[in-house]
C-alpha atoms as a PDB file:
ATOM      1  CA  MET A   1     -33.732 -36.302  16.772  1.00  0.00           C
ATOM      2  CA  GLY A   2     -37.388 -36.883  17.358  1.00  0.00           C
ATOM      3  CA  THR A   3     -40.833 -35.284  17.257  1.00  0.00           C
ATOM      4  CA  PHE A   4     -42.647 -32.845  19.512  1.00  0.00           C
ATOM      5  CA  TYR A   5     -46.217 -31.727  19.973  1.00  0.00           C
ATOM      6  CA  ASN A   6     -47.150 -28.251  18.811  1.00  0.00           C
ATOM      7  CA  LEU A   7     -50.243 -27.317  20.750  1.00  0.00           C
ATOM      8  CA  PRO A   8     -51.215 -24.066  22.476  1.00  0.00           C
ATOM      9  CA  ASN A   9     -50.071 -24.034  26.125  1.00  0.00           C
ATOM     10  CA  TYR A  10     -48.115 -27.285  25.666  1.00  0.00           C
ATOM     11  CA  THR A  11     -44.492 -27.461  26.818  1.00  0.00           C
ATOM     12  CA  ASN A  12     -42.464 -28.816  23.881  1.00  0.00           C
ATOM     13  CA  ALA A  13     -40.006 -31.605  24.558  1.00  0.00           C
ATOM     14  CA  THR A  14     -37.209 -29.478  23.112  1.00  0.00           C
ATOM     15  CA  SER A  15     -38.148 -26.230  24.809  1.00  0.00           C
ATOM     16  CA  SER A  16     -38.462 -24.895  28.341  1.00  0.00           C
ATOM     17  CA  SER A  17     -41.202 -22.496  27.233  1.00  0.00           C
ATOM     18  CA  ASP A  18     -44.687 -22.846  25.854  1.00  0.00           C
ATOM     19  CA  THR A  19     -43.716 -21.770  22.344  1.00  0.00           C
ATOM     20  CA  TYR A  20     -46.488 -22.308  19.818  1.00  0.00           C
ATOM     21  CA  ILE A  21     -45.536 -22.411  16.115  1.00  0.00           C
ATOM     22  CA  TYR A  22     -48.580 -20.939  14.425  1.00  0.00           C
ATOM     23  CA  ASN A  23     -47.906 -22.236  10.889  1.00  0.00           C
ATOM     24  CA  CYS A  24     -47.035 -25.823  11.829  1.00  0.00           C
ATOM     25  CA  ASP A  25     -48.636 -28.418   9.536  1.00  0.00           C
ATOM     26  CA  GLY A  26     -50.704 -30.424  11.998  1.00  0.00           C
ATOM     27  CA  VAL A  27     -49.879 -30.832  15.698  1.00  0.00           C
ATOM     28  CA  GLN A  28     -46.416 -32.418  15.458  1.00  0.00           C
ATOM     29  CA  ALA A  29     -43.063 -31.446  13.992  1.00  0.00           C
ATOM     30  CA  ALA A  30     -39.529 -32.848  14.041  1.00  0.00           C
ATOM     31  CA  PHE A  31     -36.392 -31.659  15.795  1.00  0.00           C
ATOM     32  CA  LEU A  32     -32.753 -32.458  14.986  1.00  0.00           C
ATOM     33  CA  PHE A  33     -29.844 -31.623  17.264  1.00  0.00           C
ATOM     34  CA  GLY A  34     -27.211 -29.335  15.756  1.00  0.00           C
ATOM     35  CA  VAL A  35     -24.526 -31.998  15.710  1.00  0.00           C
ATOM     36  CA  PRO A  36     -22.650 -33.251  12.616  1.00  0.00           C
ATOM     37  CA  GLN A  37     -24.290 -36.108  10.697  1.00  0.00           C
ATOM     38  CA  VAL A  38     -27.646 -35.883  12.479  1.00  0.00           C
ATOM     39  CA  ALA A  39     -29.977 -36.373   9.516  1.00  0.00           C
ATOM     40  CA  ILE A  40     -33.264 -37.696   8.214  1.00  0.00           C
ATOM     41  CA  PHE A  41     -33.381 -39.257   4.756  1.00  0.00           C
ATOM     42  CA  GLN A  42     -35.777 -41.287   2.658  1.00  0.00           C
ATOM     43  CA  ASP A  43     -35.486 -43.240  -0.565  1.00  0.00           C
ATOM     44  CA  TYR A  44     -36.767 -46.423  -2.159  1.00  0.00           C
ATOM     45  CA  ASP A  45     -34.894 -48.780   0.173  1.00  0.00           C
ATOM     46  CA  THR A  46     -35.775 -47.007   3.421  1.00  0.00           C
ATOM     47  CA  ASN A  47     -39.380 -48.058   2.796  1.00  0.00           C
ATOM     48  CA  ALA A  48     -38.656 -51.779   2.550  1.00  0.00           C
ATOM     49  CA  PRO A  49     -40.476 -54.062   2.179  1.00  0.00           C
ATOM     50  CA  THR A  50     -43.291 -51.936   0.711  1.00  0.00           C
ATOM     51  CA  HIS A  51     -40.999 -49.476  -1.146  1.00  0.00           C
ATOM     52  CA  ALA A  52     -43.779 -46.915  -0.854  1.00  0.00           C
ATOM     53  CA  PHE A  53     -41.469 -44.061  -1.904  1.00  0.00           C
ATOM     54  CA  ASN A  54     -40.841 -45.140  -5.487  1.00  0.00           C
ATOM     55  CA  ALA A  55     -40.429 -41.840  -7.348  1.00  0.00           C
ATOM     56  CA  THR A  56     -37.792 -41.483 -10.071  1.00  0.00           C
ATOM     57  CA  TYR A  57     -35.884 -38.625 -11.715  1.00  0.00           C
ATOM     58  CA  ASN A  58     -37.697 -38.374 -15.037  1.00  0.00           C
ATOM     59  CA  VAL A  59     -36.042 -36.854 -18.097  1.00  0.00           C
ATOM     60  CA  GLY A  60     -37.309 -33.345 -18.819  1.00  0.00           C
ATOM     61  CA  LYS A  61     -38.662 -32.825 -15.312  1.00  0.00           C
ATOM     62  CA  GLY A  62     -37.364 -30.555 -12.560  1.00  0.00           C
ATOM     63  CA  TYR A  63     -37.626 -31.262  -8.823  1.00  0.00           C
ATOM     64  CA  THR A  64     -38.026 -29.051  -5.776  1.00  0.00           C
ATOM     65  CA  MET A  65     -38.007 -30.121  -2.122  1.00  0.00           C
ATOM     66  CA  THR A  66     -39.338 -27.574   0.373  1.00  0.00           C
ATOM     67  CA  VAL A  67     -38.875 -27.846   4.148  1.00  0.00           C
ATOM     68  CA  GLY A  68     -40.151 -25.536   6.890  1.00  0.00           C
ATOM     69  CA  LEU A  69     -37.310 -24.743   9.306  1.00  0.00           C
ATOM     70  CA  ILE A  70     -36.663 -22.917  12.566  1.00  0.00           C
ATOM     71  CA  GLY A  71     -33.037 -22.561  13.650  1.00  0.00           C
ATOM     72  CA  GLY A  72     -31.361 -21.309  16.783  1.00  0.00           C
ATOM     73  CA  GLY A  73     -33.111 -23.474  19.350  1.00  0.00           C
ATOM     74  CA  GLY A  74     -31.401 -24.447  22.581  1.00  0.00           C
ATOM     75  CA  GLY A  75     -28.656 -21.848  22.362  1.00  0.00           C
ATOM     76  CA  MET A  76     -27.487 -22.940  18.897  1.00  0.00           C
ATOM     77  CA  PRO A  77     -24.297 -21.041  17.892  1.00  0.00           C
ATOM     78  CA  VAL A  78     -24.690 -18.354  15.274  1.00  0.00           C
ATOM     79  CA  GLY A  79     -23.263 -19.681  12.007  1.00  0.00           C
ATOM     80  CA  SER A  80     -24.343 -23.279  12.543  1.00  0.00           C
ATOM     81  CA  THR A  81     -25.615 -24.771   9.274  1.00  0.00           C
ATOM     82  CA  PHE A  82     -28.280 -27.125   7.982  1.00  0.00           C
ATOM     83  CA  GLU A  83     -28.438 -28.768   4.544  1.00  0.00           C
ATOM     84  CA  LEU A  84     -31.256 -29.877   2.256  1.00  0.00           C
ATOM     85  CA  ASP A  85     -30.287 -32.547  -0.297  1.00  0.00           C
ATOM     86  CA  LEU A  86     -31.627 -34.435  -3.286  1.00  0.00           C
ATOM     87  CA  PHE A  87     -29.689 -37.629  -4.015  1.00  0.00           C
ATOM     88  CA  TYR A  88     -29.715 -41.005  -5.712  1.00  0.00           C
ATOM     89  CA  VAL A  89     -28.021 -44.285  -4.827  1.00  0.00           C
ATOM     90  CA  ASP A  90     -25.525 -45.382  -7.487  1.00  0.00           C
ATOM     91  CA  ALA A  91     -24.507 -48.906  -8.524  1.00  0.00           C
ATOM     92  CA  SER A  92     -21.862 -48.977  -5.763  1.00  0.00           C
ATOM     93  CA  LEU A  93     -24.560 -48.113  -3.196  1.00  0.00           C
ATOM     94  CA  ASN A  94     -23.118 -44.643  -2.633  1.00  0.00           C
ATOM     95  CA  MET A  95     -25.512 -41.822  -1.753  1.00  0.00           C
ATOM     96  CA  ASP A  96     -24.693 -39.313  -4.516  1.00  0.00           C
ATOM     97  CA  ILE A  97     -25.968 -35.817  -3.692  1.00  0.00           C
ATOM     98  CA  ILE A  98     -26.938 -33.993  -6.898  1.00  0.00           C
ATOM     99  CA  ALA A  99     -28.500 -30.806  -5.494  1.00  0.00           C
ATOM    100  CA  SER A 100     -28.190 -29.132  -2.108  1.00  0.00           C
ATOM    101  CA  THR A 101     -29.041 -25.923  -0.261  1.00  0.00           C
ATOM    102  CA  THR A 102     -27.303 -24.728   2.903  1.00  0.00           C
ATOM    103  CA  VAL A 103     -29.205 -22.762   5.554  1.00  0.00           C
ATOM    104  CA  THR A 104     -27.220 -20.751   8.131  1.00  0.00           C
ATOM    105  CA  ASN A 105     -28.485 -19.899  11.597  1.00  0.00           C
ATOM    106  CA  THR A 106     -28.397 -16.135  12.235  1.00  0.00           C
ATOM    107  CA  PRO A 107     -30.609 -13.881  14.384  1.00  0.00           C
ATOM    108  CA  GLU A 108     -31.760 -12.153  11.206  1.00  0.00           C
ATOM    109  CA  THR A 109     -32.670 -15.385   9.426  1.00  0.00           C
ATOM    110  CA  PHE A 110     -34.616 -16.817  12.356  1.00  0.00           C
ATOM    111  CA  ALA A 111     -35.926 -13.778  14.165  1.00  0.00           C
ATOM    112  CA  THR A 112     -38.730 -15.758  15.819  1.00  0.00           C
ATOM    113  CA  ASP A 113     -39.301 -19.300  17.055  1.00  0.00           C
ATOM    114  CA  THR A 114     -43.023 -19.169  16.352  1.00  0.00           C
ATOM    115  CA  GLU A 115     -42.915 -19.410  12.543  1.00  0.00           C
ATOM    116  CA  PHE A 116     -41.483 -21.998  10.170  1.00  0.00           C
ATOM    117  CA  ILE A 117     -39.553 -20.476   7.277  1.00  0.00           C
ATOM    118  CA  ASP A 118     -39.644 -22.381   3.974  1.00  0.00           C
ATOM    119  CA  TYR A 119     -36.327 -23.306   2.336  1.00  0.00           C
ATOM    120  CA  GLN A 120     -35.918 -25.142  -0.947  1.00  0.00           C
ATOM    121  CA  VAL A 121     -33.460 -27.268  -2.847  1.00  0.00           C
ATOM    122  CA  THR A 122     -34.081 -27.354  -6.607  1.00  0.00           C
ATOM    123  CA  LEU A 123     -32.818 -29.727  -9.283  1.00  0.00           C
ATOM    124  CA  PRO A 124     -32.871 -28.366 -12.865  1.00  0.00           C
ATOM    125  CA  PRO A 125     -34.600 -30.384 -15.604  1.00  0.00           C
ATOM    126  CA  VAL A 126     -33.113 -33.861 -15.856  1.00  0.00           C
ATOM    127  CA  LYS A 127     -31.195 -34.617 -19.056  1.00  0.00           C
ATOM    128  CA  ALA A 128     -31.053 -38.046 -20.655  1.00  0.00           C
ATOM    129  CA  SER A 129     -27.263 -37.942 -20.215  1.00  0.00           C
ATOM    130  CA  ASP A 130     -27.442 -37.312 -16.451  1.00  0.00           C
ATOM    131  CA  ALA A 131     -26.275 -40.214 -14.316  1.00  0.00           C
ATOM    132  CA  TRP A 132     -29.418 -39.874 -12.179  1.00  0.00           C
ATOM    133  CA  ALA A 133     -31.868 -39.983 -15.103  1.00  0.00           C
ATOM    134  CA  GLY A 134     -34.370 -42.743 -14.328  1.00  0.00           C
ATOM    135  CA  GLN A 135     -32.844 -43.375 -10.894  1.00  0.00           C
ATOM    136  CA  ARG A 136     -34.969 -43.382  -7.759  1.00  0.00           C
ATOM    137  CA  ILE A 137     -35.255 -40.114  -5.865  1.00  0.00           C
ATOM    138  CA  GLY A 138     -33.703 -39.698  -2.432  1.00  0.00           C
ATOM    139  CA  VAL A 139     -34.387 -36.764  -0.087  1.00  0.00           C
ATOM    140  CA  GLN A 140     -32.389 -35.754   2.973  1.00  0.00           C
ATOM    141  CA  PHE A 141     -32.017 -32.921   5.446  1.00  0.00           C
ATOM    142  CA  GLN A 142     -29.192 -32.799   7.940  1.00  0.00           C
ATOM    143  CA  ALA A 143     -27.399 -30.678  10.533  1.00  0.00           C
ATOM    144  CA  THR A 144     -23.999 -29.653   9.160  1.00  0.00           C
ATOM    145  CA  PRO A 145     -22.076 -27.603  11.771  1.00  0.00           C
ATOM    146  CA  ASP A 146     -18.297 -27.586  11.301  1.00  0.00           C
ATOM    147  CA  PHE A 147     -17.195 -31.153  12.053  1.00  0.00           C
ATOM    148  CA  TYR A 148     -13.810 -29.959  13.306  1.00  0.00           C
ATOM    149  CA  ASP A 149     -15.096 -27.132  15.515  1.00  0.00           C
ATOM    150  CA  ALA A 150     -17.036 -28.491  18.488  1.00  0.00           C
ATOM    151  CA  ALA A 151     -17.793 -24.922  19.579  1.00  0.00           C
ATOM    152  CA  MET A 152     -20.240 -24.796  16.661  1.00  0.00           C
ATOM    153  CA  TRP A 153     -22.117 -27.864  17.880  1.00  0.00           C
ATOM    154  CA  GLY A 154     -25.281 -27.707  19.952  1.00  0.00           C
ATOM    155  CA  GLY A 155     -28.846 -26.495  19.976  1.00  0.00           C
ATOM    156  CA  TYR A 156     -31.515 -27.892  17.711  1.00  0.00           C
ATOM    157  CA  TRP A 157     -33.389 -27.295  14.468  1.00  0.00           C
ATOM    158  CA  ASP A 158     -37.147 -27.695  14.102  1.00  0.00           C
ATOM    159  CA  ALA A 159     -38.396 -29.080  10.766  1.00  0.00           C
ATOM    160  CA  ASP A 160     -41.870 -29.517   9.323  1.00  0.00           C
ATOM    161  CA  ASN A 161     -44.008 -29.944   6.208  1.00  0.00           C
ATOM    162  CA  VAL A 162     -41.565 -31.573   3.773  1.00  0.00           C
ATOM    163  CA  ARG A 163     -42.839 -31.263   0.197  1.00  0.00           C
ATOM    164  CA  LEU A 164     -41.359 -32.781  -2.977  1.00  0.00           C
ATOM    165  CA  VAL A 165     -42.722 -31.474  -6.278  1.00  0.00           C
ATOM    166  CA  GLU A 166     -42.034 -32.611  -9.844  1.00  0.00           C
ATOM    167  CA  THR A 167     -42.394 -29.808 -12.375  1.00  0.00           C
ATOM    168  CA  THR A 168     -42.292 -29.307 -16.135  1.00  0.00           C
ATOM    169  CA  PRO A 169     -40.104 -26.224 -16.661  1.00  0.00           C
ATOM    170  CA  LEU A 170     -41.031 -23.804 -19.412  1.00  0.00           C
ATOM    171  CA  SER A 171     -39.177 -24.921 -22.540  1.00  0.00           C
ATOM    172  CA  LEU A 172     -39.308 -24.673 -26.322  1.00  0.00           C
ATOM    173  CA  GLY A 173     -38.910 -27.601 -28.712  1.00  0.00           C
ATOM    174  CA  GLY A 174     -40.193 -29.331 -31.826  1.00  0.00           C
ATOM    175  CA  ALA A 175     -39.271 -26.419 -34.093  1.00  0.00           C
ATOM    176  CA  GLY A 176     -40.232 -26.503 -37.756  1.00  0.00           C
ATOM    177  CA  VAL A 177     -41.534 -24.563 -40.773  1.00  0.00           C
ATOM    178  CA  THR A 178     -45.032 -25.105 -42.196  1.00  0.00           C
ATOM    179  CA  ASN A 179     -46.309 -23.131 -45.181  1.00  0.00           C
ATOM    180  CA  GLY A 180     -43.445 -20.698 -44.769  1.00  0.00           C
ATOM    181  CA  GLN A 181     -44.208 -19.974 -41.113  1.00  0.00           C
ATOM    182  CA  PHE A 182     -41.932 -20.954 -38.256  1.00  0.00           C
ATOM    183  CA  GLY A 183     -43.398 -22.620 -35.187  1.00  0.00           C
ATOM    184  CA  PHE A 184     -42.507 -24.655 -32.136  1.00  0.00           C
ATOM    185  CA  THR A 185     -44.016 -26.438 -29.147  1.00  0.00           C
ATOM    186  CA  VAL A 186     -44.030 -24.903 -25.678  1.00  0.00           C
ATOM    187  CA  GLN A 187     -43.929 -27.258 -22.679  1.00  0.00           C
ATOM    188  CA  SER A 188     -44.791 -26.163 -19.136  1.00  0.00           C
ATOM    189  CA  GLU A 189     -47.013 -26.943 -16.200  1.00  0.00           C
ATOM    190  CA  PRO A 190     -50.726 -26.820 -17.143  1.00  0.00           C
ATOM    191  CA  ASN A 191     -52.393 -23.394 -16.969  1.00  0.00           C
ATOM    192  CA  VAL A 192     -49.118 -21.462 -17.012  1.00  0.00           C
ATOM    193  CA  VAL A 193     -49.460 -18.086 -18.763  1.00  0.00           C
ATOM    194  CA  PHE A 194     -46.368 -17.211 -20.801  1.00  0.00           C
ATOM    195  CA  GLN A 195     -45.207 -14.565 -23.248  1.00  0.00           C
ATOM    196  CA  VAL A 196     -43.282 -15.394 -26.423  1.00  0.00           C
ATOM    197  CA  LEU A 197     -40.465 -12.970 -27.256  1.00  0.00           C
ATOM    198  CA  ALA A 198     -38.333 -12.718 -30.403  1.00  0.00           C
ATOM    199  CA  THR A 199     -35.352 -10.767 -31.658  1.00  0.00           C
ATOM    200  CA  THR A 200     -33.029 -10.693 -34.643  1.00  0.00           C
ATOM    201  CA  ASN A 201     -30.106  -9.530 -32.481  1.00  0.00           C
ATOM    202  CA  LEU A 202     -29.012 -11.558 -29.463  1.00  0.00           C
ATOM    203  CA  ALA A 203     -26.936  -8.627 -28.212  1.00  0.00           C
ATOM    204  CA  LEU A 204     -30.092  -6.695 -27.366  1.00  0.00           C
ATOM    205  CA  PRO A 205     -31.298  -6.727 -23.738  1.00  0.00           C
ATOM    206  CA  MET A 206     -34.438  -8.755 -23.094  1.00  0.00           C
ATOM    207  CA  SER A 207     -36.385  -5.539 -22.558  1.00  0.00           C
ATOM    208  CA  SER A 208     -35.813  -4.740 -26.243  1.00  0.00           C
ATOM    209  CA  TRP A 209     -37.107  -8.056 -27.579  1.00  0.00           C
ATOM    210  CA  THR A 210     -40.465  -8.018 -29.399  1.00  0.00           C
ATOM    211  CA  SER A 211     -43.473  -9.622 -27.747  1.00  0.00           C
ATOM    212  CA  LEU A 212     -45.308 -11.939 -30.140  1.00  0.00           C
ATOM    213  CA  GLY A 213     -48.205 -12.666 -27.829  1.00  0.00           C
ATOM    214  CA  THR A 214     -49.319 -14.054 -24.470  1.00  0.00           C
ATOM    215  CA  ILE A 215     -50.700 -17.584 -24.257  1.00  0.00           C
ATOM    216  CA  THR A 216     -52.230 -19.792 -21.553  1.00  0.00           C
ATOM    217  CA  ASN A 217     -50.849 -23.313 -21.789  1.00  0.00           C
ATOM    218  CA  LEU A 218     -54.002 -25.132 -20.715  1.00  0.00           C
ATOM    219  CA  SER A 219     -52.819 -28.710 -21.183  1.00  0.00           C
ATOM    220  CA  GLY A 220     -49.091 -28.325 -20.538  1.00  0.00           C
ATOM    221  CA  SER A 221     -48.149 -28.548 -24.215  1.00  0.00           C
ATOM    222  CA  THR A 222     -49.162 -26.028 -26.857  1.00  0.00           C
ATOM    223  CA  ASN A 223     -48.041 -25.025 -30.342  1.00  0.00           C
ATOM    224  CA  PHE A 224     -46.999 -21.505 -31.298  1.00  0.00           C
ATOM    225  CA  VAL A 225     -46.681 -20.187 -34.864  1.00  0.00           C
ATOM    226  CA  ASP A 226     -44.933 -16.916 -35.711  1.00  0.00           C
ATOM    227  CA  ALA A 227     -47.142 -15.547 -38.481  1.00  0.00           C
ATOM    228  CA  SER A 228     -44.615 -12.773 -39.124  1.00  0.00           C
ATOM    229  CA  SER A 229     -41.566 -15.004 -39.426  1.00  0.00           C
ATOM    230  CA  ALA A 230     -41.301 -15.070 -43.240  1.00  0.00           C
ATOM    231  CA  ALA A 231     -37.634 -15.700 -44.147  1.00  0.00           C
ATOM    232  CA  THR A 232     -36.162 -13.552 -41.376  1.00  0.00           C
ATOM    233  CA  GLN A 233     -33.758 -15.236 -38.971  1.00  0.00           C
ATOM    234  CA  LYS A 234     -34.987 -14.827 -35.390  1.00  0.00           C
ATOM    235  CA  TYR A 235     -34.234 -15.959 -31.893  1.00  0.00           C
ATOM    236  CA  TYR A 236     -37.071 -16.929 -29.577  1.00  0.00           C
ATOM    237  CA  THR A 237     -37.672 -17.345 -25.863  1.00  0.00           C
ATOM    238  CA  ALA A 238     -40.659 -17.573 -23.528  1.00  0.00           C
ATOM    239  CA  GLN A 239     -41.201 -15.992 -20.131  1.00  0.00           C
ATOM    240  CA  VAL A 240     -43.735 -16.941 -17.478  1.00  0.00           C
ATOM    241  CA  VAL A 241     -46.283 -14.198 -16.881  1.00  0.00           C
ATOM    242  CA  SER A 242     -48.156 -16.026 -14.120  1.00  0.00           C
ATOM    243  CA  PRO A 243     -48.115 -19.642 -12.864  1.00  0.00           C
END
């Protein structure tokens, strides 16, 4: 693995042509040979002694890692795979992968070698009971061709613009009744516009639920009160209208 320059009319170290990737972030990107266990990873300990990467899996938060990829380089076999992982290191110093996404090289998936395609691995909101709650975040991407089939080995992947984002998923909580009216708190990312829906019959499709209003969650936490709730039993949900 290594890096290569991405400049117009520059011959890349991993290519015999002057391929220019127009959406590369900056003038350099990484390449990884399509061989089992070729990988790049980062966590708290890989940054010793500064430990600059000191992010943790926080309860109630979701996590998404995005990587720009180009597959098929250097005559890579069709069907060769690449994996994006989120992990943590447990008390026995094992790298425990808790979310992963597999990308497969096909002519349809990577129709051009001049554009990075974004792929993501997403971890749902962390629960207090999860073993990784409060643990330090680890990120990894790796070539994963069939270890036992050498015919699937070879070629290279290009990778660029790795992004890790912590999010507050849309959720309802803090329910209660005040002056005979039912209400709850909605948590989300700031400025998310959402619609509150209600029904008295869970068997109904979502399209038949009643809209109680559309709200912009300016701060990331806002209260909602159903003025029509009275004593009727209802079920509630919220849907994002626009991020």
